[in-house]
Amino acid sequence: MDSWGRSSGRYFIPLQRYIHQDPLKAGPVTKLEDYPFSSYREYFFSGELVDTGQISLTSLSVDRALAFALYCYHAFCWLYLRTVMKL
């Protein structure tokens, strides 16, 4: 539990969703990969700046594709998953 009384595991995924999806919701871009100040591209397009191996979604599912889909269960990400990743 952190100093705010939150369990870090339960808070981590909503925090990541907010960080990655807020530029789209707030309106400065229409595609998340176009926002230059986000690590979004690192996670989705195998960038080299962020060690994405440190981010484990296994608490959602041991199946990586399913875990990723659950993590992104939001209208914008779900559309991305269906159209680009063909999930």
N, C-alpha and C. Protein backbone atom coordinates (compact mmCIF):
# COMPACT_ATOMS: atom_id res chain seq x y z
N MET A 1 0.85 -1.17 0.00
CA MET A 1 0.00 0.00 0.00
C MET A 1 0.90 1.24 0.00
N ASP A 2 0.55 2.22 -0.84
CA ASP A 2 1.37 3.42 -0.90
C ASP A 2 0.87 4.48 0.08
N SER A 3 1.48 5.65 0.06
CA SER A 3 1.14 6.70 1.02
C SER A 3 -0.25 7.28 0.78
N TRP A 4 -0.86 7.00 -0.35
CA TRP A 4 -2.21 7.47 -0.64
C TRP A 4 -3.26 6.42 -0.25
N GLY A 5 -2.81 5.30 0.29
CA GLY A 5 -3.74 4.26 0.69
C GLY A 5 -4.18 3.36 -0.46
N ARG A 6 -3.44 3.39 -1.55
CA ARG A 6 -3.78 2.56 -2.70
C ARG A 6 -2.84 1.38 -2.77
N SER A 7 -3.37 0.29 -3.26
CA SER A 7 -2.52 -0.86 -3.55
C SER A 7 -1.84 -0.57 -4.88
N SER A 8 -0.53 -0.61 -4.92
CA SER A 8 0.19 -0.22 -6.12
C SER A 8 -0.17 -1.08 -7.32
N GLY A 9 -0.47 -2.36 -7.12
CA GLY A 9 -0.84 -3.22 -8.23
C GLY A 9 -2.16 -2.83 -8.85
N ARG A 10 -3.15 -2.51 -8.02
CA ARG A 10 -4.46 -2.13 -8.54
C ARG A 10 -4.44 -0.74 -9.16
N TYR A 11 -3.57 0.12 -8.70
CA TYR A 11 -3.51 1.49 -9.20
C TYR A 11 -2.70 1.59 -10.49
N PHE A 12 -1.79 0.67 -10.70
CA PHE A 12 -0.86 0.75 -11.82
C PHE A 12 -1.56 0.74 -13.18
N ILE A 13 -2.48 -0.19 -13.39
CA ILE A 13 -3.12 -0.32 -14.70
C ILE A 13 -3.99 0.89 -15.03
N PRO A 14 -4.85 1.37 -14.13
CA PRO A 14 -5.60 2.59 -14.46
C PRO A 14 -4.68 3.80 -14.70
N LEU A 15 -3.58 3.87 -13.98
CA LEU A 15 -2.63 4.96 -14.18
C LEU A 15 -2.02 4.88 -15.58
N GLN A 16 -1.63 3.70 -16.00
CA GLN A 16 -1.07 3.53 -17.34
C GLN A 16 -2.10 3.86 -18.42
N ARG A 17 -3.35 3.46 -18.21
CA ARG A 17 -4.40 3.80 -19.17
C ARG A 17 -4.53 5.32 -19.29
N TYR A 18 -4.54 5.99 -18.16
CA TYR A 18 -4.66 7.45 -18.17
C TYR A 18 -3.49 8.09 -18.91
N ILE A 19 -2.30 7.68 -18.59
CA ILE A 19 -1.10 8.26 -19.21
C ILE A 19 -1.13 8.08 -20.72
N HIS A 20 -1.48 6.90 -21.18
CA HIS A 20 -1.44 6.62 -22.60
C HIS A 20 -2.64 7.14 -23.37
N GLN A 21 -3.80 7.25 -22.75
CA GLN A 21 -5.00 7.62 -23.49
C GLN A 21 -5.41 9.07 -23.32
N ASP A 22 -4.88 9.78 -22.33
CA ASP A 22 -5.31 11.16 -22.10
C ASP A 22 -5.06 12.10 -23.27
N PRO A 23 -3.93 12.02 -23.98
CA PRO A 23 -3.74 12.93 -25.12
C PRO A 23 -4.85 12.79 -26.17
N LEU A 24 -5.35 11.60 -26.35
CA LEU A 24 -6.43 11.39 -27.31
C LEU A 24 -7.74 11.95 -26.78
N LYS A 25 -8.03 11.71 -25.51
CA LYS A 25 -9.26 12.21 -24.91
C LYS A 25 -9.25 13.73 -24.82
N ALA A 26 -8.10 14.31 -24.50
CA ALA A 26 -7.99 15.76 -24.33
C ALA A 26 -7.99 16.49 -25.67
N GLY A 27 -7.64 15.82 -26.74
CA GLY A 27 -7.77 16.38 -28.06
C GLY A 27 -6.55 16.90 -28.79
N PRO A 28 -5.34 16.88 -28.23
CA PRO A 28 -4.23 17.40 -29.03
C PRO A 28 -3.85 16.51 -30.22
N VAL A 29 -4.28 15.25 -30.21
CA VAL A 29 -4.01 14.35 -31.34
C VAL A 29 -5.25 13.50 -31.62
N THR A 30 -5.30 12.94 -32.81
CA THR A 30 -6.40 12.03 -33.15
C THR A 30 -5.94 10.58 -33.15
N LYS A 31 -4.62 10.36 -33.14
CA LYS A 31 -4.05 9.01 -33.03
C LYS A 31 -2.99 9.07 -31.93
N LEU A 32 -3.05 8.13 -31.01
CA LEU A 32 -2.12 8.14 -29.89
C LEU A 32 -0.66 8.09 -30.32
N GLU A 33 -0.38 7.38 -31.41
CA GLU A 33 1.01 7.28 -31.85
C GLU A 33 1.57 8.60 -32.36
N ASP A 34 0.71 9.61 -32.57
CA ASP A 34 1.17 10.92 -33.03
C ASP A 34 1.57 11.85 -31.90
N TYR A 35 1.27 11.49 -30.66
CA TYR A 35 1.61 12.36 -29.53
C TYR A 35 3.08 12.16 -29.18
N PRO A 36 3.91 13.21 -29.31
CA PRO A 36 5.36 13.04 -29.17
C PRO A 36 5.85 12.85 -27.74
N PHE A 37 5.03 13.14 -26.74
CA PHE A 37 5.49 13.10 -25.35
C PHE A 37 4.97 11.88 -24.60
N SER A 38 4.70 10.82 -25.31
CA SER A 38 4.15 9.61 -24.71
C SER A 38 5.01 8.41 -25.05
N SER A 39 5.00 7.43 -24.17
CA SER A 39 5.71 6.18 -24.44
C SER A 39 4.82 5.17 -25.16
N TYR A 40 3.65 5.61 -25.59
CA TYR A 40 2.70 4.74 -26.28
C TYR A 40 3.35 3.95 -27.41
N ARG A 41 4.11 4.64 -28.26
CA ARG A 41 4.75 3.97 -29.40
C ARG A 41 5.74 2.91 -28.94
N GLU A 42 6.35 3.12 -27.80
CA GLU A 42 7.31 2.15 -27.27
C GLU A 42 6.63 0.82 -26.97
N TYR A 43 5.44 0.87 -26.43
CA TYR A 43 4.72 -0.35 -26.07
C TYR A 43 4.11 -1.04 -27.28
N PHE A 44 3.56 -0.26 -28.20
CA PHE A 44 2.83 -0.83 -29.32
C PHE A 44 3.67 -1.12 -30.54
N PHE A 45 4.78 -0.41 -30.70
CA PHE A 45 5.58 -0.56 -31.90
C PHE A 45 7.01 -0.96 -31.60
N SER A 46 7.24 -1.60 -30.47
CA SER A 46 8.56 -2.13 -30.10
C SER A 46 9.68 -1.10 -30.20
N GLY A 47 9.49 -0.02 -29.48
CA GLY A 47 10.52 1.01 -29.44
C GLY A 47 11.73 0.56 -28.64
N GLU A 48 12.71 1.41 -28.55
CA GLU A 48 13.95 1.06 -27.87
C GLU A 48 14.22 1.89 -26.62
N LEU A 49 13.37 2.88 -26.33
CA LEU A 49 13.63 3.77 -25.19
C LEU A 49 13.10 3.23 -23.87
N VAL A 50 11.99 2.53 -23.90
CA VAL A 50 11.34 2.05 -22.68
C VAL A 50 11.55 0.55 -22.56
N ASP A 51 11.94 0.12 -21.37
CA ASP A 51 12.09 -1.32 -21.11
C ASP A 51 10.70 -1.87 -20.79
N THR A 52 9.96 -2.24 -21.83
CA THR A 52 8.60 -2.74 -21.64
C THR A 52 8.58 -4.11 -20.99
N GLY A 53 9.70 -4.77 -20.92
CA GLY A 53 9.77 -6.06 -20.23
C GLY A 53 9.54 -5.93 -18.74
N GLN A 54 9.70 -4.73 -18.21
CA GLN A 54 9.47 -4.49 -16.79
C GLN A 54 7.98 -4.37 -16.47
N ILE A 55 7.16 -4.19 -17.49
CA ILE A 55 5.73 -4.03 -17.29
C ILE A 55 5.07 -5.39 -17.48
N SER A 56 4.52 -5.90 -16.42
CA SER A 56 3.91 -7.22 -16.49
C SER A 56 2.39 -7.10 -16.43
N LEU A 57 1.74 -7.68 -17.40
CA LEU A 57 0.28 -7.72 -17.42
C LEU A 57 -0.22 -9.10 -17.03
N THR A 58 0.67 -9.93 -16.50
CA THR A 58 0.28 -11.30 -16.17
C THR A 58 -0.76 -11.35 -15.07
N SER A 59 -0.96 -10.26 -14.32
CA SER A 59 -2.02 -10.25 -13.33
C SER A 59 -3.39 -10.27 -14.00
N LEU A 60 -3.45 -9.87 -15.28
CA LEU A 60 -4.70 -9.89 -16.02
C LEU A 60 -4.92 -11.23 -16.71
N SER A 61 -3.86 -11.78 -17.29
CA SER A 61 -3.93 -13.08 -17.97
C SER A 61 -2.52 -13.53 -18.31
N VAL A 62 -2.29 -14.83 -18.31
CA VAL A 62 -0.98 -15.34 -18.73
C VAL A 62 -0.86 -15.32 -20.25
N ASP A 63 -1.99 -15.26 -20.94
CA ASP A 63 -1.99 -15.13 -22.40
C ASP A 63 -1.70 -13.66 -22.73
N ARG A 64 -0.55 -13.40 -23.36
CA ARG A 64 -0.11 -12.02 -23.60
C ARG A 64 -1.12 -11.21 -24.41
N ALA A 65 -1.67 -11.80 -25.47
CA ALA A 65 -2.64 -11.08 -26.31
C ALA A 65 -3.90 -10.74 -25.51
N LEU A 66 -4.38 -11.69 -24.72
CA LEU A 66 -5.56 -11.44 -23.91
C LEU A 66 -5.28 -10.40 -22.84
N ALA A 67 -4.12 -10.50 -22.19
CA ALA A 67 -3.76 -9.52 -21.17
C ALA A 67 -3.71 -8.12 -21.76
N PHE A 68 -3.12 -8.01 -22.94
CA PHE A 68 -3.04 -6.72 -23.61
C PHE A 68 -4.43 -6.20 -23.95
N ALA A 69 -5.32 -7.08 -24.43
CA ALA A 69 -6.69 -6.68 -24.76
C ALA A 69 -7.42 -6.21 -23.51
N LEU A 70 -7.26 -6.91 -22.40
CA LEU A 70 -7.90 -6.51 -21.16
C LEU A 70 -7.36 -5.17 -20.66
N TYR A 71 -6.06 -5.00 -20.79
CA TYR A 71 -5.43 -3.74 -20.38
C TYR A 71 -6.00 -2.57 -21.18
N CYS A 72 -6.23 -2.79 -22.45
CA CYS A 72 -6.70 -1.74 -23.35
C CYS A 72 -8.21 -1.72 -23.51
N TYR A 73 -8.92 -2.34 -22.62
CA TYR A 73 -10.37 -2.40 -22.79
C TYR A 73 -10.98 -1.02 -22.60
N HIS A 74 -10.87 -0.28 -23.62
CA HIS A 74 -11.39 1.07 -23.69
C HIS A 74 -11.75 1.28 -25.16
N ALA A 75 -12.70 2.09 -25.47
CA ALA A 75 -13.17 2.22 -26.86
C ALA A 75 -12.06 2.53 -27.84
N PHE A 76 -11.15 3.45 -27.50
CA PHE A 76 -10.09 3.82 -28.43
C PHE A 76 -9.12 2.67 -28.64
N CYS A 77 -8.69 2.04 -27.57
CA CYS A 77 -7.74 0.95 -27.69
C CYS A 77 -8.41 -0.28 -28.31
N TRP A 78 -9.67 -0.51 -27.97
CA TRP A 78 -10.34 -1.67 -28.52
C TRP A 78 -10.43 -1.55 -30.04
N LEU A 79 -10.71 -0.36 -30.54
CA LEU A 79 -10.74 -0.15 -31.99
C LEU A 79 -9.37 -0.43 -32.59
N TYR A 80 -8.32 0.01 -31.91
CA TYR A 80 -6.96 -0.25 -32.38
C TYR A 80 -6.69 -1.75 -32.43
N LEU A 81 -7.07 -2.45 -31.39
CA LEU A 81 -6.85 -3.89 -31.34
C LEU A 81 -7.58 -4.61 -32.47
N ARG A 82 -8.81 -4.21 -32.74
CA ARG A 82 -9.60 -4.88 -33.77
C ARG A 82 -9.11 -4.56 -35.17
N THR A 83 -8.73 -3.33 -35.44
CA THR A 83 -8.39 -2.94 -36.80
C THR A 83 -6.93 -3.18 -37.15
N VAL A 84 -6.03 -2.87 -36.24
CA VAL A 84 -4.60 -2.97 -36.54
C VAL A 84 -4.04 -4.33 -36.16
N MET A 85 -4.34 -4.79 -34.95
CA MET A 85 -3.76 -6.03 -34.47
C MET A 85 -4.61 -7.25 -34.82
N LYS A 86 -5.80 -7.03 -35.33
CA LYS A 86 -6.70 -8.12 -35.77
C LYS A 86 -7.03 -9.10 -34.65
N LEU A 87 -7.25 -8.58 -33.44
CA LEU A 87 -7.62 -9.44 -32.31
C LEU A 87 -9.12 -9.58 -32.22
